Amino acid sequence: MSKYEPLLKYLKENNKDSYKLSYEEIKNILGFNINHSFLTYKK
């Protein structure tokens, strides 16, 4: 099971065309702080 499974489940259960979630809301859904390094990661 992926650590992001709770977020995928949330998205499937709410069945919307689009979502606007804050980092705080995502953290609450997942149950842990997300790493913001992906915002500045450059390949």
PDB file of N, CA and C in Angstrom:
ATOM      1  N   MET A   1       0.843  -1.190   0.000  1.00  0.00           N
ATOM      2  CA  MET A   1       0.000   0.000   0.000  1.00  0.00           C
ATOM      3  C   MET A   1       0.878   1.240   0.000  1.00  0.00           C
ATOM      4  N   SER A   2       0.589   2.161  -0.880  1.00  0.00           N
ATOM      5  CA  SER A   2       1.325   3.409  -0.981  1.00  0.00           C
ATOM      6  C   SER A   2       0.968   4.338   0.174  1.00  0.00           C
ATOM      7  N   LYS A   3       1.929   5.136   0.584  1.00  0.00           N
ATOM      8  CA  LYS A   3       1.638   6.085   1.659  1.00  0.00           C
ATOM      9  C   LYS A   3       0.654   7.161   1.200  1.00  0.00           C
ATOM     10  N   TYR A   4       0.447   7.269  -0.119  1.00  0.00           N
ATOM     11  CA  TYR A   4      -0.490   8.250  -0.666  1.00  0.00           C
ATOM     12  C   TYR A   4      -1.867   7.651  -0.949  1.00  0.00           C
ATOM     13  N   GLU A   5      -2.059   6.393  -0.600  1.00  0.00           N
ATOM     14  CA  GLU A   5      -3.334   5.708  -0.818  1.00  0.00           C
ATOM     15  C   GLU A   5      -4.523   6.460  -0.197  1.00  0.00           C
ATOM     16  N   PRO A   6      -4.402   7.007   1.030  1.00  0.00           N
ATOM     17  CA  PRO A   6      -5.541   7.751   1.602  1.00  0.00           C
ATOM     18  C   PRO A   6      -5.966   8.945   0.729  1.00  0.00           C
ATOM     19  N   LEU A   7      -5.010   9.596   0.084  1.00  0.00           N
ATOM     20  CA  LEU A   7      -5.351  10.730  -0.787  1.00  0.00           C
ATOM     21  C   LEU A   7      -6.058  10.226  -2.038  1.00  0.00           C
ATOM     22  N   LEU A   8      -5.574   9.152  -2.632  1.00  0.00           N
ATOM     23  CA  LEU A   8      -6.232   8.577  -3.807  1.00  0.00           C
ATOM     24  C   LEU A   8      -7.651   8.136  -3.472  1.00  0.00           C
ATOM     25  N   LYS A   9      -7.825   7.537  -2.309  1.00  0.00           N
ATOM     26  CA  LYS A   9      -9.152   7.104  -1.862  1.00  0.00           C
ATOM     27  C   LYS A   9     -10.076   8.308  -1.693  1.00  0.00           C
ATOM     28  N   TYR A  10      -9.555   9.377  -1.082  1.00  0.00           N
ATOM     29  CA  TYR A  10     -10.337  10.602  -0.883  1.00  0.00           C
ATOM     30  C   TYR A  10     -10.819  11.151  -2.228  1.00  0.00           C
ATOM     31  N   LEU A  11      -9.911  11.213  -3.204  1.00  0.00           N
ATOM     32  CA  LEU A  11     -10.258  11.758  -4.516  1.00  0.00           C
ATOM     33  C   LEU A  11     -11.306  10.904  -5.218  1.00  0.00           C
ATOM     34  N   LYS A  12     -11.175   9.595  -5.127  1.00  0.00           N
ATOM     35  CA  LYS A  12     -12.143   8.689  -5.755  1.00  0.00           C
ATOM     36  C   LYS A  12     -13.505   8.784  -5.087  1.00  0.00           C
ATOM     37  N   GLU A  13     -13.522   8.870  -3.772  1.00  0.00           N
ATOM     38  CA  GLU A  13     -14.795   8.900  -3.039  1.00  0.00           C
ATOM     39  C   GLU A  13     -15.557  10.201  -3.254  1.00  0.00           C
ATOM     40  N   ASN A  14     -14.850  11.303  -3.465  1.00  0.00           N
ATOM     41  CA  ASN A  14     -15.521  12.585  -3.640  1.00  0.00           C
ATOM     42  C   ASN A  14     -15.914  12.851  -5.081  1.00  0.00           C
ATOM     43  N   ASN A  15     -15.306  12.146  -6.020  1.00  0.00           N
ATOM     44  CA  ASN A  15     -15.723  12.122  -7.423  1.00  0.00           C
ATOM     45  C   ASN A  15     -16.062  13.501  -8.012  1.00  0.00           C
ATOM     46  N   LYS A  16     -15.138  14.430  -7.923  1.00  0.00           N
ATOM     47  CA  LYS A  16     -15.312  15.759  -8.505  1.00  0.00           C
ATOM     48  C   LYS A  16     -14.489  15.861  -9.784  1.00  0.00           C
ATOM     49  N   ASP A  17     -14.821  16.833 -10.620  1.00  0.00           N
ATOM     50  CA  ASP A  17     -14.046  17.068 -11.836  1.00  0.00           C
ATOM     51  C   ASP A  17     -12.703  17.730 -11.532  1.00  0.00           C
ATOM     52  N   SER A  18     -12.671  18.543 -10.482  1.00  0.00           N
ATOM     53  CA  SER A  18     -11.418  19.182 -10.079  1.00  0.00           C
ATOM     54  C   SER A  18     -11.428  19.405  -8.567  1.00  0.00           C
ATOM     55  N   TYR A  19     -10.231  19.589  -8.031  1.00  0.00           N
ATOM     56  CA  TYR A  19     -10.062  19.769  -6.591  1.00  0.00           C
ATOM     57  C   TYR A  19      -9.148  20.952  -6.329  1.00  0.00           C
ATOM     58  N   LYS A  20      -9.394  21.617  -5.224  1.00  0.00           N
ATOM     59  CA  LYS A  20      -8.501  22.660  -4.751  1.00  0.00           C
ATOM     60  C   LYS A  20      -8.318  22.404  -3.259  1.00  0.00           C
ATOM     61  N   LEU A  21      -7.161  21.787  -2.935  1.00  0.00           N
ATOM     62  CA  LEU A  21      -6.877  21.430  -1.554  1.00  0.00           C
ATOM     63  C   LEU A  21      -5.644  22.176  -1.081  1.00  0.00           C
ATOM     64  N   SER A  22      -5.673  22.644   0.145  1.00  0.00           N
ATOM     65  CA  SER A  22      -4.496  23.286   0.723  1.00  0.00           C
ATOM     66  C   SER A  22      -3.531  22.199   1.190  1.00  0.00           C
ATOM     67  N   TYR A  23      -2.282  22.592   1.446  1.00  0.00           N
ATOM     68  CA  TYR A  23      -1.316  21.641   1.992  1.00  0.00           C
ATOM     69  C   TYR A  23      -1.803  21.094   3.328  1.00  0.00           C
ATOM     70  N   GLU A  24      -2.445  21.925   4.104  1.00  0.00           N
ATOM     71  CA  GLU A  24      -2.971  21.496   5.410  1.00  0.00           C
ATOM     72  C   GLU A  24      -4.056  20.426   5.233  1.00  0.00           C
ATOM     73  N   GLU A  25      -4.942  20.621   4.259  1.00  0.00           N
ATOM     74  CA  GLU A  25      -5.989  19.638   4.006  1.00  0.00           C
ATOM     75  C   GLU A  25      -5.391  18.311   3.532  1.00  0.00           C
ATOM     76  N   ILE A  26      -4.396  18.382   2.659  1.00  0.00           N
ATOM     77  CA  ILE A  26      -3.732  17.169   2.180  1.00  0.00           C
ATOM     78  C   ILE A  26      -3.037  16.468   3.334  1.00  0.00           C
ATOM     79  N   LYS A  27      -2.370  17.242   4.190  1.00  0.00           N
ATOM     80  CA  LYS A  27      -1.698  16.674   5.367  1.00  0.00           C
ATOM     81  C   LYS A  27      -2.699  15.948   6.247  1.00  0.00           C
ATOM     82  N   ASN A  28      -3.873  16.526   6.444  1.00  0.00           N
ATOM     83  CA  ASN A  28      -4.903  15.899   7.280  1.00  0.00           C
ATOM     84  C   ASN A  28      -5.438  14.618   6.648  1.00  0.00           C
ATOM     85  N   ILE A  29      -5.577  14.601   5.337  1.00  0.00           N
ATOM     86  CA  ILE A  29      -6.049  13.413   4.640  1.00  0.00           C
ATOM     87  C   ILE A  29      -5.010  12.299   4.733  1.00  0.00           C
ATOM     88  N   LEU A  30      -3.743  12.649   4.507  1.00  0.00           N
ATOM     89  CA  LEU A  30      -2.675  11.659   4.505  1.00  0.00           C
ATOM     90  C   LEU A  30      -2.262  11.228   5.905  1.00  0.00           C
ATOM     91  N   GLY A  31      -2.330  12.161   6.843  1.00  0.00           N
ATOM     92  CA  GLY A  31      -1.906  11.856   8.205  1.00  0.00           C
ATOM     93  C   GLY A  31      -0.435  12.120   8.455  1.00  0.00           C
ATOM     94  N   PHE A  32       0.243  12.783   7.517  1.00  0.00           N
ATOM     95  CA  PHE A  32       1.647  13.161   7.694  1.00  0.00           C
ATOM     96  C   PHE A  32       1.941  14.402   6.856  1.00  0.00           C
ATOM     97  N   ASN A  33       3.020  15.109   7.204  1.00  0.00           N
ATOM     98  CA  ASN A  33       3.435  16.285   6.449  1.00  0.00           C
ATOM     99  C   ASN A  33       3.986  15.871   5.097  1.00  0.00           C
ATOM    100  N   ILE A  34       3.615  16.605   4.061  1.00  0.00           N
ATOM    101  CA  ILE A  34       4.163  16.314   2.742  1.00  0.00           C
ATOM    102  C   ILE A  34       5.449  17.098   2.557  1.00  0.00           C
ATOM    103  N   ASN A  35       6.343  16.534   1.770  1.00  0.00           N
ATOM    104  CA  ASN A  35       7.629  17.156   1.494  1.00  0.00           C
ATOM    105  C   ASN A  35       7.449  18.173   0.372  1.00  0.00           C
ATOM    106  N   HIS A  36       7.764  19.428   0.630  1.00  0.00           N
ATOM    107  CA  HIS A  36       7.584  20.485  -0.359  1.00  0.00           C
ATOM    108  C   HIS A  36       8.746  20.573  -1.344  1.00  0.00           C
ATOM    109  N   SER A  37       9.746  19.708  -1.214  1.00  0.00           N
ATOM    110  CA  SER A  37      10.903  19.779  -2.100  1.00  0.00           C
ATOM    111  C   SER A  37      10.532  19.533  -3.553  1.00  0.00           C
ATOM    112  N   PHE A  38       9.420  18.846  -3.796  1.00  0.00           N
ATOM    113  CA  PHE A  38       9.022  18.594  -5.177  1.00  0.00           C
ATOM    114  C   PHE A  38       8.687  19.892  -5.914  1.00  0.00           C
ATOM    115  N   LEU A  39       8.389  20.940  -5.182  1.00  0.00           N
ATOM    116  CA  LEU A  39       8.065  22.216  -5.823  1.00  0.00           C
ATOM    117  C   LEU A  39       9.285  22.882  -6.440  1.00  0.00           C
ATOM    118  N   THR A  40      10.454  22.605  -5.899  1.00  0.00           N
ATOM    119  CA  THR A  40      11.663  23.249  -6.393  1.00  0.00           C
ATOM    120  C   THR A  40      12.605  22.274  -7.079  1.00  0.00           C
ATOM    121  N   TYR A  41      12.219  21.002  -7.187  1.00  0.00           N
ATOM    122  CA  TYR A  41      13.070  19.996  -7.810  1.00  0.00           C
ATOM    123  C   TYR A  41      13.193  20.271  -9.307  1.00  0.00           C
ATOM    124  N   LYS A  42      14.404  20.264  -9.812  1.00  0.00           N
ATOM    125  CA  LYS A  42      14.636  20.476 -11.243  1.00  0.00           C
ATOM    126  C   LYS A  42      15.417  19.305 -11.791  1.00  0.00           C
ATOM    127  N   LYS A  43      14.940  18.734 -12.865  1.00  0.00           N
ATOM    128  CA  LYS A  43      15.647  17.624 -13.508  1.00  0.00           C
ATOM    129  C   LYS A  43      16.795  18.142 -14.323  1.00  0.00           C
TER     130      LYS A  43
END
